């Protein structure tokens, strides 16, 4: 693994919390993600199913977890199935986890080979009444036309055991995962610390006429060098007008002398993620207008982040953040009080220059699971990311930090990532 071992106590505790939410005499089945094909016999990098990782810590494909809290035999209350190690697999793909290694990681004593799954489940199903099955309910934009390993497991179970009751494992994990344990917070902090190294590497390379992908290369080099497992998402390196496209990531344009570059990137460390955004001047000095826009966004970040605290409704937070940005847009001469007075209720004037939400859960997923109808609570980790986008001036500015909610407000987990104008200019100019 590219990351330090995580205490099995984290996963043991997660399973206890999950099991308490299950109905009587039920079992839960969580499966790993597929290894996705690329072309011919090539494959993409493997990323684990995050609900399975949350409950086991196992970062390997062809893995199945069965939880049966009411099983008569204690050894059957948590059973882990992993793919069998053979000399053939070692030769072609290297080592996979042994049973002892899987136990050490997960804290599950009953580990079997995955080919034993069907026979074992048949014994459990004879006594159990309900199956909890995993499924990606969080967002269907990406997976709506895909048949995943979870989909195949659901189909198989319903064909094999049509008279059992079925429930959703995601209903439980979306309740549990938003509240982060100390160990989870420490992993997010590690991801952020690696982000700092990457951003500093990018600052040391930025100059007029450099290509966006060259800056991406400097960023990636430092991230991997300092221990990133992988990108949390494909980095956005957007110069000038490119920064006005919210999900731009072509990263193939030359950065001009008078432009500002928006850098939105995240580090995945041990499957936990950071998500941060900064904006920097190509020539090392913000122009008067860039400084003006940047200062407005930074003001919204500093004031808006204060609103992220336990007891607040997410919708109320977003309304207050929108009001902060609206005032700054007036100061910048982009909208007027008359525009606001004449705006339509469903089309506020500020949305011309600020069109997205500013806080999302962060954890095993970059946009982590959790209901936004839920009141914010201690232990949640959320981003704060206001922005102002002015296509006619080829300026797009977004600033983003990651915050841990506490009894006393929040803690900025990304405080070490340079953000003040003077600090960014100094770091660029000292190279």
Protein backbone atom coordinates (compact mmCIF):
# COMPACT_ATOMS: atom_id res chain seq x y z
CA UNK A 1 0.00 0.00 0.00
CA UNK A 2 1.08 3.57 -0.61
CA UNK A 3 -0.12 4.62 2.81
CA UNK A 4 0.67 3.74 6.39
CA UNK A 5 -1.42 1.02 7.99
CA UNK A 6 -4.65 2.15 9.64
CA UNK A 7 -5.54 0.69 13.06
CA UNK A 8 -8.11 -2.09 12.66
CA UNK A 9 -9.98 -0.53 15.60
CA UNK A 10 -11.40 2.06 13.17
CA UNK A 11 -13.09 -0.61 11.06
CA UNK A 12 -14.16 -2.69 14.05
CA UNK A 13 -15.93 0.34 15.50
CA UNK A 14 -17.50 1.21 12.14
CA UNK A 15 -18.93 -2.31 11.87
CA UNK A 16 -20.35 -2.07 15.39
CA UNK A 17 -22.08 1.20 14.56
CA UNK A 18 -23.40 -0.18 11.27
CA UNK A 19 -24.67 -3.40 12.87
CA UNK A 20 -26.64 -1.47 15.50
CA UNK A 21 -28.62 0.19 12.69
CA UNK A 22 -29.62 -3.12 11.10
CA UNK A 23 -33.03 -4.66 11.71
CA UNK A 24 -33.26 -7.89 13.76
CA UNK A 25 -32.14 -11.13 12.12
CA UNK A 26 -30.75 -9.43 9.04
CA UNK A 27 -27.49 -9.69 7.18
CA UNK A 28 -25.58 -7.16 5.08
CA UNK A 29 -23.55 -7.83 1.95
CA UNK A 30 -20.97 -5.30 0.74
CA UNK A 31 -18.83 -5.94 -2.34
CA UNK A 32 -15.74 -4.36 -3.85
CA UNK A 33 -15.70 -2.29 -7.01
CA UNK A 34 -14.78 -3.77 -10.37
CA UNK A 35 -11.41 -3.32 -11.97
CA UNK A 36 -12.45 -1.20 -14.93
CA UNK A 37 -11.09 -1.99 -18.42
CA UNK A 38 -9.33 0.59 -20.54
CA UNK A 39 -8.60 -0.85 -24.03
CA UNK A 40 -7.53 -4.30 -25.19
CA UNK A 41 -6.09 -6.03 -22.12
CA UNK A 42 -5.31 -2.83 -20.20
CA UNK A 43 -7.13 -1.71 -17.05
CA UNK A 44 -7.61 1.54 -15.18
CA UNK A 45 -6.36 2.04 -11.65
CA UNK A 46 -8.45 0.30 -8.99
CA UNK A 47 -10.50 2.35 -6.53
CA UNK A 48 -12.27 0.52 -3.70
CA UNK A 49 -15.97 0.72 -2.94
CA UNK A 50 -15.96 3.26 -0.12
CA UNK A 51 -18.70 1.64 1.96
CA UNK A 52 -16.75 -1.63 1.91
CA UNK A 53 -13.53 0.17 2.82
CA UNK A 54 -15.31 2.03 5.64
CA UNK A 55 -16.28 -1.30 7.19
CA UNK A 56 -13.15 -3.37 6.48
CA UNK A 57 -10.13 -1.29 5.40
CA UNK A 58 -9.57 -3.79 2.59
CA UNK A 59 -8.24 -2.09 -0.54
CA UNK A 60 -8.42 -5.01 -2.96
CA UNK A 61 -10.86 -6.13 -5.67
CA UNK A 62 -12.92 -9.35 -5.51
CA UNK A 63 -13.69 -8.76 -1.83
CA UNK A 64 -17.02 -9.41 -0.10
CA UNK A 65 -18.09 -8.58 3.45
CA UNK A 66 -21.04 -10.34 5.11
CA UNK A 67 -22.31 -8.99 8.42
CA UNK A 68 -24.81 -11.11 10.35
CA UNK A 69 -24.99 -9.59 13.87
CA UNK A 70 -27.61 -12.10 15.11
CA UNK A 71 -25.80 -15.20 13.88
CA UNK A 72 -25.87 -18.03 16.42
CA UNK A 73 -22.13 -18.58 16.14
CA UNK A 74 -20.08 -15.51 17.01
CA UNK A 75 -17.54 -16.32 14.29
CA UNK A 76 -20.27 -15.86 11.66
CA UNK A 77 -21.24 -12.34 12.71
CA UNK A 78 -18.63 -10.86 10.38
CA UNK A 79 -17.14 -12.87 7.53
CA UNK A 80 -14.69 -11.50 4.99
CA UNK A 81 -14.12 -13.11 1.60
CA UNK A 82 -10.95 -12.32 -0.38
CA UNK A 83 -9.48 -13.73 -3.58
CA UNK A 84 -7.16 -16.66 -3.19
CA UNK A 85 -3.43 -16.23 -3.57
CA UNK A 86 -1.78 -18.61 -6.02
CA UNK A 87 1.60 -18.96 -7.67
CA UNK A 88 0.00 -17.94 -10.97
CA UNK A 89 -1.47 -14.70 -9.60
CA UNK A 90 1.80 -13.90 -7.85
CA UNK A 91 3.68 -14.30 -11.13
CA UNK A 92 1.43 -11.99 -13.13
CA UNK A 93 -0.01 -9.53 -10.60
CA UNK A 94 2.12 -9.78 -7.48
CA UNK A 95 0.94 -10.63 -4.00
CA UNK A 96 -2.64 -10.33 -2.79
CA UNK A 97 -3.69 -10.36 0.83
CA UNK A 98 -3.34 -13.57 2.77
CA UNK A 99 -6.06 -14.45 5.26
CA UNK A 100 -3.85 -13.38 8.15
CA UNK A 101 -3.11 -10.03 6.49
CA UNK A 102 -6.81 -9.44 5.83
CA UNK A 103 -7.52 -10.14 9.50
CA UNK A 104 -4.79 -7.75 10.63
CA UNK A 105 -6.20 -4.93 8.48
CA UNK A 106 -9.92 -5.45 9.14
CA UNK A 107 -10.01 -7.02 12.58
CA UNK A 108 -12.24 -9.78 11.14
CA UNK A 109 -11.13 -13.21 12.33
CA UNK A 110 -13.28 -15.27 9.98
CA UNK A 111 -11.68 -14.81 6.56
CA UNK A 112 -12.50 -17.15 3.67
CA UNK A 113 -11.61 -17.34 0.00
CA UNK A 114 -14.13 -15.68 -2.26
CA UNK A 115 -15.07 -18.97 -3.96
CA UNK A 116 -16.54 -20.07 -0.60
CA UNK A 117 -19.02 -17.17 -0.57
CA UNK A 118 -22.08 -18.80 -2.17
CA UNK A 119 -21.98 -21.88 0.04
CA UNK A 120 -21.49 -19.79 3.17
CA UNK A 121 -24.29 -17.38 2.31
CA UNK A 122 -26.68 -20.24 1.68
CA UNK A 123 -26.25 -21.34 5.30
CA UNK A 124 -26.83 -17.80 6.60
CA UNK A 125 -29.81 -17.12 4.31
CA UNK A 126 -31.63 -20.15 5.69
CA UNK A 127 -31.92 -18.33 9.03
CA UNK A 128 -31.86 -14.62 8.09
CA UNK A 129 -34.99 -12.66 7.16
CA UNK A 130 -33.56 -9.52 5.52
CA UNK A 131 -30.65 -8.70 3.23
CA UNK A 132 -29.02 -5.26 3.30
CA UNK A 133 -27.35 -4.75 -0.07
CA UNK A 134 -24.97 -2.01 -1.14
CA UNK A 135 -25.64 0.29 -4.08
CA UNK A 136 -24.33 3.64 -5.29
CA UNK A 137 -27.30 5.88 -4.45
CA UNK A 138 -25.19 9.00 -3.98
CA UNK A 139 -25.12 10.10 -7.61
CA UNK A 140 -26.40 8.32 -10.70
CA UNK A 141 -25.03 10.76 -13.29
CA UNK A 142 -21.93 8.61 -13.74
CA UNK A 143 -23.26 5.09 -13.12
CA UNK A 144 -26.79 5.27 -14.57
CA UNK A 145 -25.86 3.25 -17.68
CA UNK A 146 -23.32 0.95 -15.99
CA UNK A 147 -23.81 -2.51 -14.53
CA UNK A 148 -21.56 -2.65 -11.50
CA UNK A 149 -20.49 -5.49 -9.22
CA UNK A 150 -23.09 -4.19 -6.75
CA UNK A 151 -25.78 -4.38 -9.44
CA UNK A 152 -24.79 -7.95 -10.25
CA UNK A 153 -24.85 -8.91 -6.56
CA UNK A 154 -28.34 -7.44 -6.14
CA UNK A 155 -29.61 -9.34 -9.17
CA UNK A 156 -27.98 -12.59 -8.06
CA UNK A 157 -29.36 -12.39 -4.51
CA UNK A 158 -32.90 -11.66 -5.68
CA UNK A 159 -32.80 -14.55 -8.14
CA UNK A 160 -31.31 -16.91 -5.56
CA UNK A 161 -33.39 -15.73 -2.57
CA UNK A 162 -36.57 -14.12 -3.98
CA UNK A 163 -38.66 -14.52 -0.81
CA UNK A 164 -36.34 -12.64 1.55
CA UNK A 165 -36.87 -9.02 2.47
CA UNK A 166 -34.39 -6.48 1.08
CA UNK A 167 -33.11 -3.18 2.45
CA UNK A 168 -30.44 -0.62 1.54
CA UNK A 169 -27.01 -0.58 3.15
CA UNK A 170 -26.50 2.96 1.80
CA UNK A 171 -29.29 4.19 4.07
CA UNK A 172 -27.07 3.29 7.03
CA UNK A 173 -23.69 4.38 5.69
CA UNK A 174 -24.99 7.80 4.59
CA UNK A 175 -26.05 8.34 8.22
CA UNK A 176 -22.76 7.16 9.72
CA UNK A 177 -20.07 8.38 7.32
CA UNK A 178 -20.65 12.18 7.61
CA UNK A 179 -19.45 12.10 11.26
CA UNK A 180 -15.70 11.56 11.16
CA UNK A 181 -13.70 9.80 13.86
CA UNK A 182 -10.35 11.14 15.07
CA UNK A 183 -8.55 8.58 12.91
CA UNK A 184 -10.50 9.65 9.81
CA UNK A 185 -9.76 13.31 10.48
CA UNK A 186 -6.06 12.52 10.79
CA UNK A 187 -6.13 10.84 7.37
CA UNK A 188 -7.82 13.88 5.81
CA UNK A 189 -5.18 16.07 7.46
CA UNK A 190 -2.49 13.90 5.87
CA UNK A 191 -4.11 14.40 2.46
CA UNK A 192 -4.16 18.16 3.03
CA UNK A 193 -0.51 18.19 4.13
CA UNK A 194 0.44 16.50 0.86
CA UNK A 195 -1.66 19.11 -0.98
CA UNK A 196 0.48 21.87 0.52
CA UNK A 197 3.62 20.28 -0.94
CA UNK A 198 1.98 19.99 -4.34
CA UNK A 199 0.81 23.59 -4.40
CA UNK A 200 4.23 24.86 -3.37
CA UNK A 201 5.74 22.87 -6.23
CA UNK A 202 3.34 24.47 -8.69
CA UNK A 203 4.18 27.95 -7.38
CA UNK A 204 7.87 27.31 -7.88
CA UNK A 205 7.27 26.56 -11.56
CA UNK A 206 4.66 29.09 -12.66
CA UNK A 207 5.79 31.71 -15.18
CA UNK A 208 4.49 33.39 -18.34
CA UNK A 209 4.07 31.12 -21.38
CA UNK A 210 4.10 27.89 -19.38
CA UNK A 211 1.41 25.41 -20.37
CA UNK A 212 -1.34 24.39 -17.98
CA UNK A 213 -0.29 20.75 -18.28
CA UNK A 214 3.25 21.67 -17.29
CA UNK A 215 1.89 23.12 -14.07
CA UNK A 216 -0.19 19.99 -13.63
CA UNK A 217 2.99 17.93 -14.01
CA UNK A 218 4.77 19.92 -11.28
CA UNK A 219 1.76 19.50 -9.02
CA UNK A 220 1.48 15.77 -9.65
CA UNK A 221 5.21 15.21 -9.15
CA UNK A 222 5.13 16.71 -5.66
CA UNK A 223 1.89 14.95 -4.71
CA UNK A 224 3.16 11.49 -5.64
CA UNK A 225 6.61 12.19 -4.21
CA UNK A 226 5.05 13.08 -0.85
CA UNK A 227 2.81 10.05 -0.56
CA UNK A 228 -0.50 10.67 -2.35
CA UNK A 229 -2.31 7.43 -3.11
CA UNK A 230 -3.84 9.06 -6.18
CA UNK A 231 -5.70 12.19 -7.26
CA UNK A 232 -8.97 12.80 -5.46
CA UNK A 233 -10.19 13.98 -8.88
CA UNK A 234 -8.55 15.16 -12.10
CA UNK A 235 -6.88 18.50 -11.28
CA UNK A 236 -8.26 21.73 -12.74
CA UNK A 237 -5.45 24.02 -13.94
CA UNK A 238 -7.36 26.85 -15.60
CA UNK A 239 -5.75 30.03 -16.93
CA UNK A 240 -7.73 33.16 -17.81
CA UNK A 241 -11.18 32.49 -19.25
CA UNK A 242 -10.78 28.73 -18.69
CA UNK A 243 -11.35 29.39 -14.99
CA UNK A 244 -14.92 30.43 -15.80
CA UNK A 245 -15.77 26.84 -16.77
CA UNK A 246 -16.48 25.21 -13.40
CA UNK A 247 -15.33 21.69 -14.33
CA UNK A 248 -12.67 22.60 -16.89
CA UNK A 249 -9.79 20.11 -16.87
CA UNK A 250 -8.39 19.98 -20.39
CA UNK A 251 -5.29 21.68 -18.96
CA UNK A 252 -3.89 22.35 -22.43
CA UNK A 253 -3.68 26.15 -22.75
CA UNK A 254 -0.65 28.42 -22.51
CA UNK A 255 -0.70 30.67 -19.42
CA UNK A 256 -0.24 34.29 -20.48
CA UNK A 257 1.69 36.94 -18.59
CA UNK A 258 -1.31 38.95 -17.39
CA UNK A 259 -3.58 36.03 -16.49
CA UNK A 260 -4.59 34.40 -13.25
CA UNK A 261 -4.62 30.59 -12.94
CA UNK A 262 -7.26 28.74 -10.93
CA UNK A 263 -5.90 25.53 -9.34
CA UNK A 264 -8.56 23.15 -7.98
CA UNK A 265 -7.14 19.82 -6.86
CA UNK A 266 -7.42 17.13 -4.23
CA UNK A 267 -5.26 14.40 -2.75
CA UNK A 268 -6.50 10.91 -1.98
CA UNK A 269 -4.55 9.37 0.91
CA UNK A 270 -5.65 5.97 2.25
CA UNK A 271 -8.95 6.55 0.38
CA UNK A 272 -9.61 9.79 2.33
CA UNK A 273 -9.60 13.04 0.37
CA UNK A 274 -8.73 16.70 0.49
CA UNK A 275 -10.33 19.27 -1.83
CA UNK A 276 -8.77 22.72 -2.12
CA UNK A 277 -8.71 25.60 -4.61
CA UNK A 278 -6.33 28.52 -5.02
CA UNK A 279 -5.81 31.23 -7.65
CA UNK A 280 -2.39 32.60 -8.57
CA UNK A 281 -1.00 35.27 -10.94
CA UNK A 282 1.08 33.89 -13.81
CA UNK A 283 3.69 36.66 -13.56
CA UNK A 284 3.86 36.61 -9.78
CA UNK A 285 1.93 39.82 -9.11
CA UNK A 286 -1.85 40.24 -9.02
CA UNK A 287 -3.08 43.07 -11.26
CA UNK A 288 -5.26 45.70 -9.54
CA UNK A 289 -8.44 44.08 -10.90
CA UNK A 290 -7.29 40.54 -10.07
CA UNK A 291 -6.42 41.67 -6.57
CA UNK A 292 -9.84 43.29 -6.23
CA UNK A 293 -11.75 40.17 -7.32
CA UNK A 294 -9.49 37.86 -5.30
CA UNK A 295 -9.96 39.97 -2.16
CA UNK A 296 -13.73 39.80 -2.56
CA UNK A 297 -13.70 36.00 -2.85
CA UNK A 298 -11.29 35.68 0.08
CA UNK A 299 -13.57 37.88 2.19
CA UNK A 300 -16.52 35.60 1.35
CA UNK A 301 -14.45 32.54 2.28
CA UNK A 302 -13.35 33.96 5.63
CA UNK A 303 -16.79 35.24 6.60
CA UNK A 304 -18.75 32.40 5.05
CA UNK A 305 -16.68 29.69 6.70
CA UNK A 306 -17.65 31.12 10.10
CA UNK A 307 -21.21 30.01 9.32
CA UNK A 308 -20.17 26.35 9.15
CA UNK A 309 -20.94 25.13 12.66
CA UNK A 310 -23.13 22.58 14.42
CA UNK A 311 -26.84 23.34 14.54
CA UNK A 312 -27.00 25.15 11.20
CA UNK A 313 -29.20 24.09 8.28
CA UNK A 314 -27.22 23.61 5.09
CA UNK A 315 -29.82 25.59 3.13
CA UNK A 316 -29.56 28.53 5.56
CA UNK A 317 -25.77 28.48 5.23
CA UNK A 318 -25.98 28.61 1.42
CA UNK A 319 -28.42 31.55 1.54
CA UNK A 320 -26.09 33.51 3.79
CA UNK A 321 -23.10 32.71 1.60
CA UNK A 322 -25.01 33.88 -1.48
CA UNK A 323 -25.80 37.14 0.31
CA UNK A 324 -22.08 37.65 1.04
CA UNK A 325 -21.14 37.14 -2.61
CA UNK A 326 -23.98 39.38 -3.76
CA UNK A 327 -22.58 42.30 -1.73
CA UNK A 328 -19.13 41.77 -3.19
CA UNK A 329 -20.53 41.70 -6.73
CA UNK A 330 -22.07 45.12 -6.11
CA UNK A 331 -18.73 46.45 -4.82
CA UNK A 332 -17.00 45.10 -7.92
CA UNK A 333 -19.48 46.86 -10.20
CA UNK A 334 -20.80 43.63 -11.66
CA UNK A 335 -24.41 43.97 -10.52
CA UNK A 336 -26.43 46.84 -9.09
CA UNK A 337 -29.10 47.27 -6.46
CA UNK A 338 -31.48 47.92 -9.34
CA UNK A 339 -30.60 44.51 -10.83
CA UNK A 340 -31.45 42.92 -7.49
CA UNK A 341 -34.71 44.84 -7.17
CA UNK A 342 -35.80 43.66 -10.63
CA UNK A 343 -34.56 40.06 -10.38
CA UNK A 344 -36.88 37.08 -10.73
CA UNK A 345 -37.23 34.92 -7.59
CA UNK A 346 -35.92 31.84 -9.39
CA UNK A 347 -33.13 33.73 -11.18
CA UNK A 348 -31.26 36.03 -8.75
CA UNK A 349 -28.89 38.58 -10.26
CA UNK A 350 -25.84 37.19 -8.49
CA UNK A 351 -26.10 33.88 -10.35
CA UNK A 352 -24.68 35.51 -13.47
CA UNK A 353 -21.28 35.56 -11.72
CA UNK A 354 -21.71 32.97 -8.95
CA UNK A 355 -23.69 29.89 -9.89
CA UNK A 356 -22.75 27.00 -7.58
CA UNK A 357 -23.10 25.82 -4.00
CA UNK A 358 -20.20 26.29 -1.61
CA UNK A 359 -20.24 23.47 0.94
CA UNK A 360 -20.17 19.71 0.48
CA UNK A 361 -19.28 16.82 2.76
CA UNK A 362 -15.70 15.55 2.42
CA UNK A 363 -14.24 12.18 3.34
CA UNK A 364 -14.01 8.84 1.55
CA UNK A 365 -15.70 10.56 -1.38
CA UNK A 366 -14.76 14.08 -2.45
CA UNK A 367 -18.48 14.84 -2.49
CA UNK A 368 -19.05 12.56 0.47
CA UNK A 369 -22.34 10.85 1.27
CA UNK A 370 -24.85 12.57 3.54
CA UNK A 371 -28.26 14.21 3.34
CA UNK A 372 -28.18 17.98 2.99
CA UNK A 373 -31.52 18.14 4.79
CA UNK A 374 -29.61 17.06 7.92
CA UNK A 375 -28.60 19.71 10.43
CA UNK A 376 -24.82 20.21 10.55
CA UNK A 377 -23.18 18.30 13.42
CA UNK A 378 -19.91 18.12 15.29
CA UNK A 379 -17.47 15.82 13.52
CA UNK A 380 -18.59 16.61 9.99
CA UNK A 381 -15.96 17.77 7.49
CA UNK A 382 -17.14 20.19 4.82
CA UNK A 383 -15.61 22.40 2.18
CA UNK A 384 -16.24 26.11 1.78
CA UNK A 385 -15.68 27.36 -1.78
CA UNK A 386 -17.12 30.71 -2.86
CA UNK A 387 -16.24 32.00 -6.32
CA UNK A 388 -16.75 34.87 -8.75
CA UNK A 389 -16.59 34.24 -12.50
CA UNK A 390 -16.38 37.10 -15.01
CA UNK A 391 -16.14 35.69 -18.55
CA UNK A 392 -16.06 39.14 -20.18
CA UNK A 393 -12.91 39.97 -18.20
CA UNK A 394 -11.44 36.44 -18.51
CA UNK A 395 -11.24 36.21 -14.71
CA UNK A 396 -12.45 33.24 -12.72
CA UNK A 397 -11.65 33.07 -9.02
CA UNK A 398 -12.61 30.36 -6.55
CA UNK A 399 -11.02 29.74 -3.14
CA UNK A 400 -11.67 26.56 -1.16
CA UNK A 401 -10.72 25.20 2.25
CA UNK A 402 -11.69 22.09 4.22
CA UNK A 403 -13.25 22.50 7.68
CA UNK A 404 -13.87 20.18 10.63
CA UNK A 405 -16.96 21.13 12.64
CA UNK A 406 -16.43 21.29 16.41
CA UNK A 407 -18.37 22.40 19.47
CA UNK A 408 -16.70 25.81 19.12
CA UNK A 409 -17.34 26.37 15.41
CA UNK A 410 -14.84 24.80 13.05
CA UNK A 411 -11.16 24.12 12.41
CA UNK A 412 -9.60 24.99 9.04
CA UNK A 413 -7.81 21.77 8.09
CA UNK A 414 -6.18 23.49 5.09
CA UNK A 415 -4.82 26.48 6.98
CA UNK A 416 -1.24 25.65 5.94
CA UNK A 417 -2.07 26.02 2.23
CA UNK A 418 -1.03 29.60 1.28
CA UNK A 419 -3.98 31.86 0.51
CA UNK A 420 -3.14 35.47 1.42
CA UNK A 421 -2.18 37.63 -1.56
CA UNK A 422 1.15 38.64 -0.05
CA UNK A 423 2.12 35.03 0.71
CA UNK A 424 1.32 33.81 -2.79
CA UNK A 425 3.22 36.65 -4.46
CA UNK A 426 6.20 36.12 -2.15
CA UNK A 427 6.36 32.37 -2.83
CA UNK A 428 6.22 32.88 -6.60
CA UNK A 429 8.76 35.67 -6.66
CA UNK A 430 11.34 33.95 -4.44
CA UNK A 431 11.91 31.08 -6.89
